[in-house]
Amino acid sequence: MQKVVLVTIGQSTRNDVIDSMLDPAVLPYAIQHGALYQLDNAHISAVRPGGGEPPLVTILRTGPKVTVARSTLLPQRQEAIDRSLDDGLDG
């Protein structure tokens, strides 16, 4: 079976979300990577929205919700995609 990759804007996996999105037969093949996964609190603070930029809200692995900026997440999202490719997935 082919693998399914989900790249989230958050720090942790979102089983609560993918359980409702995917057929249970596919769940063992779902790989999740979060854009904020490798960032600490100081770096997460640096990606908060400013100047009227639309906010995105996500959950940290420790549970609290944080607000981040879409534009500043682009490098982190690409890193999450790269981690997916490192897992042996095709681009």
PDB file of N, CA and C in Angstrom:
ATOM      1  N   MET A   1       0.841  -1.181   0.000  1.00  0.00           N
ATOM      2  CA  MET A   1       0.000   0.000   0.000  1.00  0.00           C
ATOM      3  C   MET A   1       0.882   1.239   0.000  1.00  0.00           C
ATOM      4  N   GLN A   2       0.432   2.281  -0.669  1.00  0.00           N
ATOM      5  CA  GLN A   2       1.169   3.534  -0.690  1.00  0.00           C
ATOM      6  C   GLN A   2       1.028   4.250   0.645  1.00  0.00           C
ATOM      7  N   LYS A   3       2.046   5.015   0.983  1.00  0.00           N
ATOM      8  CA  LYS A   3       2.016   5.802   2.207  1.00  0.00           C
ATOM      9  C   LYS A   3       1.311   7.123   1.954  1.00  0.00           C
ATOM     10  N   VAL A   4       0.725   7.651   3.006  1.00  0.00           N
ATOM     11  CA  VAL A   4       0.069   8.956   2.963  1.00  0.00           C
ATOM     12  C   VAL A   4       0.832   9.868   3.901  1.00  0.00           C
ATOM     13  N   VAL A   5       1.248  11.024   3.408  1.00  0.00           N
ATOM     14  CA  VAL A   5       1.987  11.976   4.235  1.00  0.00           C
ATOM     15  C   VAL A   5       1.105  13.179   4.510  1.00  0.00           C
ATOM     16  N   LEU A   6       1.077  13.565   5.772  1.00  0.00           N
ATOM     17  CA  LEU A   6       0.350  14.758   6.186  1.00  0.00           C
ATOM     18  C   LEU A   6       1.336  15.716   6.823  1.00  0.00           C
ATOM     19  N   VAL A   7       1.445  16.907   6.256  1.00  0.00           N
ATOM     20  CA  VAL A   7       2.309  17.937   6.814  1.00  0.00           C
ATOM     21  C   VAL A   7       1.399  18.963   7.460  1.00  0.00           C
ATOM     22  N   THR A   8       1.564  19.120   8.767  1.00  0.00           N
ATOM     23  CA  THR A   8       0.730  20.056   9.514  1.00  0.00           C
ATOM     24  C   THR A   8       1.515  21.314   9.837  1.00  0.00           C
ATOM     25  N   ILE A   9       0.802  22.341  10.262  1.00  0.00           N
ATOM     26  CA  ILE A   9       1.478  23.574  10.664  1.00  0.00           C
ATOM     27  C   ILE A   9       1.936  23.499  12.104  1.00  0.00           C
ATOM     28  N   GLY A  10       1.573  22.444  12.807  1.00  0.00           N
ATOM     29  CA  GLY A  10       1.853  22.345  14.236  1.00  0.00           C
ATOM     30  C   GLY A  10       3.164  21.680  14.577  1.00  0.00           C
ATOM     31  N   GLN A  11       3.265  21.338  15.855  1.00  0.00           N
ATOM     32  CA  GLN A  11       4.478  20.750  16.395  1.00  0.00           C
ATOM     33  C   GLN A  11       4.313  19.247  16.604  1.00  0.00           C
ATOM     34  N   SER A  12       3.109  18.825  16.802  1.00  0.00           N
ATOM     35  CA  SER A  12       2.887  17.421  17.122  1.00  0.00           C
ATOM     36  C   SER A  12       1.962  16.769  16.102  1.00  0.00           C
ATOM     37  N   THR A  13       1.877  15.470  16.196  1.00  0.00           N
ATOM     38  CA  THR A  13       0.980  14.748  15.304  1.00  0.00           C
ATOM     39  C   THR A  13      -0.464  15.080  15.657  1.00  0.00           C
ATOM     40  N   ARG A  14      -1.343  14.931  14.678  1.00  0.00           N
ATOM     41  CA  ARG A  14      -2.751  15.273  14.874  1.00  0.00           C
ATOM     42  C   ARG A  14      -3.633  14.066  14.584  1.00  0.00           C
ATOM     43  N   ASN A  15      -3.476  13.038  15.399  1.00  0.00           N
ATOM     44  CA  ASN A  15      -4.302  11.845  15.218  1.00  0.00           C
ATOM     45  C   ASN A  15      -5.777  12.163  15.352  1.00  0.00           C
ATOM     46  N   ASP A  16      -6.121  13.166  16.161  1.00  0.00           N
ATOM     47  CA  ASP A  16      -7.515  13.549  16.309  1.00  0.00           C
ATOM     48  C   ASP A  16      -8.109  14.040  14.988  1.00  0.00           C
ATOM     49  N   VAL A  17      -7.281  14.594  14.138  1.00  0.00           N
ATOM     50  CA  VAL A  17      -7.746  15.095  12.842  1.00  0.00           C
ATOM     51  C   VAL A  17      -7.712  13.994  11.784  1.00  0.00           C
ATOM     52  N   ILE A  18      -6.587  13.289  11.683  1.00  0.00           N
ATOM     53  CA  ILE A  18      -6.477  12.311  10.595  1.00  0.00           C
ATOM     54  C   ILE A  18      -7.388  11.110  10.799  1.00  0.00           C
ATOM     55  N   ASP A  19      -7.731  10.791  12.047  1.00  0.00           N
ATOM     56  CA  ASP A  19      -8.653   9.677  12.276  1.00  0.00           C
ATOM     57  C   ASP A  19      -9.990   9.918  11.585  1.00  0.00           C
ATOM     58  N   SER A  20     -10.393  11.185  11.500  1.00  0.00           N
ATOM     59  CA  SER A  20     -11.664  11.495  10.854  1.00  0.00           C
ATOM     60  C   SER A  20     -11.517  11.713   9.345  1.00  0.00           C
ATOM     61  N   MET A  21     -10.280  11.856   8.863  1.00  0.00           N
ATOM     62  CA  MET A  21     -10.044  12.117   7.442  1.00  0.00           C
ATOM     63  C   MET A  21      -9.775  10.859   6.634  1.00  0.00           C
ATOM     64  N   LEU A  22      -9.152   9.870   7.258  1.00  0.00           N
ATOM     65  CA  LEU A  22      -8.685   8.712   6.515  1.00  0.00           C
ATOM     66  C   LEU A  22      -9.438   7.446   6.896  1.00  0.00           C
ATOM     67  N   ASP A  23      -9.554   6.563   5.946  1.00  0.00           N
ATOM     68  CA  ASP A  23     -10.119   5.245   6.184  1.00  0.00           C
ATOM     69  C   ASP A  23      -9.222   4.525   7.184  1.00  0.00           C
ATOM     70  N   PRO A  24      -9.798   3.820   8.159  1.00  0.00           N
ATOM     71  CA  PRO A  24      -8.975   3.116   9.147  1.00  0.00           C
ATOM     72  C   PRO A  24      -7.941   2.170   8.534  1.00  0.00           C
ATOM     73  N   ALA A  25      -8.217   1.626   7.363  1.00  0.00           N
ATOM     74  CA  ALA A  25      -7.259   0.730   6.715  1.00  0.00           C
ATOM     75  C   ALA A  25      -6.007   1.473   6.258  1.00  0.00           C
ATOM     76  N   VAL A  26      -6.114   2.785   6.065  1.00  0.00           N
ATOM     77  CA  VAL A  26      -4.998   3.593   5.586  1.00  0.00           C
ATOM     78  C   VAL A  26      -4.163   4.132   6.753  1.00  0.00           C
ATOM     79  N   LEU A  27      -4.748   4.234   7.926  1.00  0.00           N
ATOM     80  CA  LEU A  27      -4.070   4.870   9.058  1.00  0.00           C
ATOM     81  C   LEU A  27      -2.677   4.318   9.357  1.00  0.00           C
ATOM     82  N   PRO A  28      -2.454   3.011   9.260  1.00  0.00           N
ATOM     83  CA  PRO A  28      -1.085   2.529   9.522  1.00  0.00           C
ATOM     84  C   PRO A  28      -0.050   3.045   8.520  1.00  0.00           C
ATOM     85  N   TYR A  29      -0.494   3.554   7.398  1.00  0.00           N
ATOM     86  CA  TYR A  29       0.410   4.033   6.351  1.00  0.00           C
ATOM     87  C   TYR A  29       0.523   5.557   6.352  1.00  0.00           C
ATOM     88  N   ALA A  30      -0.118   6.205   7.317  1.00  0.00           N
ATOM     89  CA  ALA A  30      -0.081   7.665   7.398  1.00  0.00           C
ATOM     90  C   ALA A  30       1.145   8.108   8.185  1.00  0.00           C
ATOM     91  N   ILE A  31       1.897   9.015   7.592  1.00  0.00           N
ATOM     92  CA  ILE A  31       3.091   9.575   8.212  1.00  0.00           C
ATOM     93  C   ILE A  31       2.836  11.058   8.408  1.00  0.00           C
ATOM     94  N   GLN A  32       3.092  11.537   9.611  1.00  0.00           N
ATOM     95  CA  GLN A  32       2.847  12.941   9.908  1.00  0.00           C
ATOM     96  C   GLN A  32       4.153  13.666  10.225  1.00  0.00           C
ATOM     97  N   HIS A  33       4.245  14.873   9.703  1.00  0.00           N
ATOM     98  CA  HIS A  33       5.366  15.749  10.017  1.00  0.00           C
ATOM     99  C   HIS A  33       4.812  17.136  10.273  1.00  0.00           C
ATOM    100  N   GLY A  34       5.195  17.731  11.392  1.00  0.00           N
ATOM    101  CA  GLY A  34       4.740  19.071  11.741  1.00  0.00           C
ATOM    102  C   GLY A  34       5.782  20.121  11.404  1.00  0.00           C
ATOM    103  N   ALA A  35       5.309  21.253  10.904  1.00  0.00           N
ATOM    104  CA  ALA A  35       6.214  22.347  10.542  1.00  0.00           C
ATOM    105  C   ALA A  35       6.959  22.895  11.756  1.00  0.00           C
ATOM    106  N   LEU A  36       6.327  22.866  12.923  1.00  0.00           N
ATOM    107  CA  LEU A  36       6.964  23.406  14.128  1.00  0.00           C
ATOM    108  C   LEU A  36       7.693  22.346  14.937  1.00  0.00           C
ATOM    109  N   TYR A  37       7.745  21.130  14.436  1.00  0.00           N
ATOM    110  CA  TYR A  37       8.251  19.994  15.195  1.00  0.00           C
ATOM    111  C   TYR A  37       9.621  20.238  15.826  1.00  0.00           C
ATOM    112  N   GLN A  38      10.536  20.813  15.084  1.00  0.00           N
ATOM    113  CA  GLN A  38      11.908  20.969  15.569  1.00  0.00           C
ATOM    114  C   GLN A  38      12.185  22.331  16.204  1.00  0.00           C
ATOM    115  N   LEU A  39      11.141  23.136  16.391  1.00  0.00           N
ATOM    116  CA  LEU A  39      11.341  24.473  16.948  1.00  0.00           C
ATOM    117  C   LEU A  39      11.066  24.497  18.444  1.00  0.00           C
ATOM    118  N   ASP A  40      11.880  25.272  19.162  1.00  0.00           N
ATOM    119  CA  ASP A  40      11.625  25.478  20.581  1.00  0.00           C
ATOM    120  C   ASP A  40      10.722  26.706  20.746  1.00  0.00           C
ATOM    121  N   ASN A  41      10.364  27.028  21.987  1.00  0.00           N
ATOM    122  CA  ASN A  41       9.426  28.130  22.236  1.00  0.00           C
ATOM    123  C   ASN A  41       9.934  29.465  21.714  1.00  0.00           C
ATOM    124  N   ALA A  42      11.225  29.716  21.813  1.00  0.00           N
ATOM    125  CA  ALA A  42      11.780  30.986  21.324  1.00  0.00           C
ATOM    126  C   ALA A  42      11.595  31.114  19.819  1.00  0.00           C
ATOM    127  N   HIS A  43      11.848  30.027  19.090  1.00  0.00           N
ATOM    128  CA  HIS A  43      11.684  30.062  17.635  1.00  0.00           C
ATOM    129  C   HIS A  43      10.213  30.134  17.248  1.00  0.00           C
ATOM    130  N   ILE A  44       9.359  29.494  18.005  1.00  0.00           N
ATOM    131  CA  ILE A  44       7.922  29.548  17.718  1.00  0.00           C
ATOM    132  C   ILE A  44       7.413  30.973  17.915  1.00  0.00           C
ATOM    133  N   SER A  45       7.918  31.666  18.926  1.00  0.00           N
ATOM    134  CA  SER A  45       7.527  33.059  19.144  1.00  0.00           C
ATOM    135  C   SER A  45       7.896  33.931  17.953  1.00  0.00           C
ATOM    136  N   ALA A  46       8.967  33.574  17.263  1.00  0.00           N
ATOM    137  CA  ALA A  46       9.432  34.359  16.121  1.00  0.00           C
ATOM    138  C   ALA A  46       8.546  34.200  14.896  1.00  0.00           C
ATOM    139  N   VAL A  47       7.671  33.194  14.871  1.00  0.00           N
ATOM    140  CA  VAL A  47       6.812  33.003  13.702  1.00  0.00           C
ATOM    141  C   VAL A  47       5.375  33.448  13.976  1.00  0.00           C
ATOM    142  N   ARG A  48       5.190  34.268  14.988  1.00  0.00           N
ATOM    143  CA  ARG A  48       3.854  34.802  15.280  1.00  0.00           C
ATOM    144  C   ARG A  48       3.513  35.903  14.282  1.00  0.00           C
ATOM    145  N   PRO A  49       2.222  36.052  13.972  1.00  0.00           N
ATOM    146  CA  PRO A  49       1.829  37.060  12.977  1.00  0.00           C
ATOM    147  C   PRO A  49       1.986  38.478  13.511  1.00  0.00           C
ATOM    148  N   GLY A  50       2.202  39.369  12.600  1.00  0.00           N
ATOM    149  CA  GLY A  50       2.298  40.782  12.947  1.00  0.00           C
ATOM    150  C   GLY A  50       1.770  41.621  11.804  1.00  0.00           C
ATOM    151  N   GLY A  51       1.476  42.842  12.075  1.00  0.00           N
ATOM    152  CA  GLY A  51       1.072  43.773  11.034  1.00  0.00           C
ATOM    153  C   GLY A  51      -0.185  43.384  10.274  1.00  0.00           C
ATOM    154  N   GLY A  52      -1.148  42.818  10.955  1.00  0.00           N
ATOM    155  CA  GLY A  52      -2.412  42.483  10.305  1.00  0.00           C
ATOM    156  C   GLY A  52      -2.392  41.211   9.486  1.00  0.00           C
ATOM    157  N   GLU A  53      -1.314  40.464   9.565  1.00  0.00           N
ATOM    158  CA  GLU A  53      -1.246  39.201   8.822  1.00  0.00           C
ATOM    159  C   GLU A  53      -2.255  38.205   9.401  1.00  0.00           C
ATOM    160  N   PRO A  54      -2.946  37.445   8.546  1.00  0.00           N
ATOM    161  CA  PRO A  54      -3.913  36.472   9.056  1.00  0.00           C
ATOM    162  C   PRO A  54      -3.231  35.422   9.933  1.00  0.00           C
ATOM    163  N   PRO A  55      -3.827  35.125  11.083  1.00  0.00           N
ATOM    164  CA  PRO A  55      -3.225  34.149  11.990  1.00  0.00           C
ATOM    165  C   PRO A  55      -3.631  32.716  11.658  1.00  0.00           C
ATOM    166  N   LEU A  56      -2.749  31.796  11.991  1.00  0.00           N
ATOM    167  CA  LEU A  56      -3.054  30.368  11.968  1.00  0.00           C
ATOM    168  C   LEU A  56      -2.889  29.873  13.402  1.00  0.00           C
ATOM    169  N   VAL A  57      -3.809  29.048  13.862  1.00  0.00           N
ATOM    170  CA  VAL A  57      -3.749  28.543  15.226  1.00  0.00           C
ATOM    171  C   VAL A  57      -3.454  27.059  15.180  1.00  0.00           C
ATOM    172  N   THR A  58      -2.519  26.631  16.026  1.00  0.00           N
ATOM    173  CA  THR A  58      -2.136  25.229  16.081  1.00  0.00           C
ATOM    174  C   THR A  58      -1.868  24.834  17.527  1.00  0.00           C
ATOM    175  N   ILE A  59      -1.567  23.572  17.727  1.00  0.00           N
ATOM    176  CA  ILE A  59      -1.354  23.038  19.071  1.00  0.00           C
ATOM    177  C   ILE A  59       0.085  22.543  19.203  1.00  0.00           C
ATOM    178  N   LEU A  60       0.719  22.909  20.313  1.00  0.00           N
ATOM    179  CA  LEU A  60       2.065  22.412  20.602  1.00  0.00           C
ATOM    180  C   LEU A  60       1.978  21.029  21.226  1.00  0.00           C
ATOM    181  N   ARG A  61       3.084  20.299  21.219  1.00  0.00           N
ATOM    182  CA  ARG A  61       3.076  18.937  21.758  1.00  0.00           C
ATOM    183  C   ARG A  61       2.756  18.909  23.240  1.00  0.00           C
ATOM    184  N   THR A  62       3.004  20.014  23.945  1.00  0.00           N
ATOM    185  CA  THR A  62       2.685  20.072  25.374  1.00  0.00           C
ATOM    186  C   THR A  62       1.235  20.482  25.629  1.00  0.00           C
ATOM    187  N   GLY A  63       0.486  20.775  24.566  1.00  0.00           N
ATOM    188  CA  GLY A  63      -0.937  21.044  24.699  1.00  0.00           C
ATOM    189  C   GLY A  63      -1.435  22.447  24.427  1.00  0.00           C
ATOM    190  N   PRO A  64      -0.656  23.509  24.698  1.00  0.00           N
ATOM    191  CA  PRO A  64      -1.206  24.845  24.485  1.00  0.00           C
ATOM    192  C   PRO A  64      -1.350  25.201  23.007  1.00  0.00           C
ATOM    193  N   LYS A  65      -2.331  26.042  22.745  1.00  0.00           N
ATOM    194  CA  LYS A  65      -2.521  26.566  21.397  1.00  0.00           C
ATOM    195  C   LYS A  65      -1.600  27.761  21.193  1.00  0.00           C
ATOM    196  N   VAL A  66      -1.082  27.910  19.975  1.00  0.00           N
ATOM    197  CA  VAL A  66      -0.265  29.067  19.615  1.00  0.00           C
ATOM    198  C   VAL A  66      -0.745  29.616  18.285  1.00  0.00           C
ATOM    199  N   THR A  67      -0.486  30.892  18.097  1.00  0.00           N
ATOM    200  CA  THR A  67      -0.830  31.561  16.850  1.00  0.00           C
ATOM    201  C   THR A  67       0.455  31.812  16.074  1.00  0.00           C
ATOM    202  N   VAL A  68       0.450  31.430  14.805  1.00  0.00           N
ATOM    203  CA  VAL A  68       1.629  31.590  13.954  1.00  0.00           C
ATOM    204  C   VAL A  68       1.227  32.277  12.658  1.00  0.00           C
ATOM    205  N   ALA A  69       2.220  32.799  11.950  1.00  0.00           N
ATOM    206  CA  ALA A  69       1.985  33.487  10.684  1.00  0.00           C
ATOM    207  C   ALA A  69       2.233  32.535   9.521  1.00  0.00           C
ATOM    208  N   ARG A  70       1.335  32.567   8.571  1.00  0.00           N
ATOM    209  CA  ARG A  70       1.462  31.694   7.399  1.00  0.00           C
ATOM    210  C   ARG A  70       2.767  31.943   6.647  1.00  0.00           C
ATOM    211  N   SER A  71       3.080  33.194   6.407  1.00  0.00           N
ATOM    212  CA  SER A  71       4.250  33.514   5.583  1.00  0.00           C
ATOM    213  C   SER A  71       5.554  33.069   6.236  1.00  0.00           C
ATOM    214  N   THR A  72       5.641  33.128   7.553  1.00  0.00           N
ATOM    215  CA  THR A  72       6.886  32.757   8.214  1.00  0.00           C
ATOM    216  C   THR A  72       7.018  31.248   8.386  1.00  0.00           C
ATOM    217  N   LEU A  73       5.952  30.498   8.103  1.00  0.00           N
ATOM    218  CA  LEU A  73       6.011  29.046   8.209  1.00  0.00           C
ATOM    219  C   LEU A  73       6.535  28.368   6.947  1.00  0.00           C
ATOM    220  N   LEU A  74       6.706  29.109   5.876  1.00  0.00           N
ATOM    221  CA  LEU A  74       7.120  28.486   4.610  1.00  0.00           C
ATOM    222  C   LEU A  74       8.400  27.671   4.741  1.00  0.00           C
ATOM    223  N   PRO A  75       9.465  28.190   5.358  1.00  0.00           N
ATOM    224  CA  PRO A  75      10.680  27.360   5.482  1.00  0.00           C
ATOM    225  C   PRO A  75      10.441  26.116   6.334  1.00  0.00           C
ATOM    226  N   GLN A  76       9.677  26.247   7.402  1.00  0.00           N
ATOM    227  CA  GLN A  76       9.409  25.105   8.267  1.00  0.00           C
ATOM    228  C   GLN A  76       8.551  24.055   7.563  1.00  0.00           C
ATOM    229  N   ARG A  77       7.596  24.497   6.763  1.00  0.00           N
ATOM    230  CA  ARG A  77       6.791  23.529   5.998  1.00  0.00           C
ATOM    231  C   ARG A  77       7.666  22.777   5.016  1.00  0.00           C
ATOM    232  N   GLN A  78       8.583  23.472   4.361  1.00  0.00           N
ATOM    233  CA  GLN A  78       9.477  22.805   3.422  1.00  0.00           C
ATOM    234  C   GLN A  78      10.353  21.793   4.144  1.00  0.00           C
ATOM    235  N   GLU A  79      10.818  22.137   5.341  1.00  0.00           N
ATOM    236  CA  GLU A  79      11.622  21.186   6.118  1.00  0.00           C
ATOM    237  C   GLU A  79      10.807  19.943   6.467  1.00  0.00           C
ATOM    238  N   ALA A  80       9.526  20.119   6.765  1.00  0.00           N
ATOM    239  CA  ALA A  80       8.658  18.976   7.062  1.00  0.00           C
ATOM    240  C   ALA A  80       8.489  18.106   5.816  1.00  0.00           C
ATOM    241  N   ILE A  81       8.364  18.723   4.663  1.00  0.00           N
ATOM    242  CA  ILE A  81       8.271  17.972   3.407  1.00  0.00           C
ATOM    243  C   ILE A  81       9.583  17.228   3.167  1.00  0.00           C
ATOM    244  N   ASP A  82      10.707  17.898   3.414  1.00  0.00           N
ATOM    245  CA  ASP A  82      12.007  17.248   3.244  1.00  0.00           C
ATOM    246  C   ASP A  82      12.163  16.049   4.168  1.00  0.00           C
ATOM    247  N   ARG A  83      11.663  16.159   5.405  1.00  0.00           N
ATOM    248  CA  ARG A  83      11.710  15.017   6.328  1.00  0.00           C
ATOM    249  C   ARG A  83      10.889  13.856   5.772  1.00  0.00           C
ATOM    250  N   SER A  84       9.788  14.175   5.107  1.00  0.00           N
ATOM    251  CA  SER A  84       8.972  13.134   4.471  1.00  0.00           C
ATOM    252  C   SER A  84       9.763  12.427   3.383  1.00  0.00           C
ATOM    253  N   LEU A  85      10.492  13.191   2.610  1.00  0.00           N
ATOM    254  CA  LEU A  85      11.318  12.597   1.550  1.00  0.00           C
ATOM    255  C   LEU A  85      12.432  11.762   2.155  1.00  0.00           C
ATOM    256  N   ASP A  86      12.973  12.208   3.291  1.00  0.00           N
ATOM    257  CA  ASP A  86      14.007  11.420   3.978  1.00  0.00           C
ATOM    258  C   ASP A  86      13.454  10.085   4.472  1.00  0.00           C
ATOM    259  N   ASP A  87      12.146  10.026   4.691  1.00  0.00           N
ATOM    260  CA  ASP A  87      11.507   8.787   5.110  1.00  0.00           C
ATOM    261  C   ASP A  87      11.342   7.804   3.954  1.00  0.00           C
ATOM    262  N   GLY A  88      11.852   8.184   2.794  1.00  0.00           N
ATOM    263  CA  GLY A  88      11.792   7.296   1.649  1.00  0.00           C
ATOM    264  C   GLY A  88      10.572   7.482   0.776  1.00  0.00           C
ATOM    265  N   LEU A  89       9.919   8.612   0.908  1.00  0.00           N
ATOM    266  CA  LEU A  89       8.744   8.876   0.075  1.00  0.00           C
ATOM    267  C   LEU A  89       9.151   9.592  -1.191  1.00  0.00           C
ATOM    268  N   ASP A  90       8.406   9.357  -2.242  1.00  0.00           N
ATOM    269  CA  ASP A  90       8.678  10.018  -3.511  1.00  0.00           C
ATOM    270  C   ASP A  90       8.175  11.448  -3.460  1.00  0.00           C
ATOM    271  N   GLY A  91       8.892  12.360  -4.138  1.00  0.00           N
ATOM    272  CA  GLY A  91       8.508  13.775  -4.167  1.00  0.00           C
ATOM    273  C   GLY A  91       7.434  14.076  -5.142  1.00  0.00           C
TER     274      GLY A  91
END
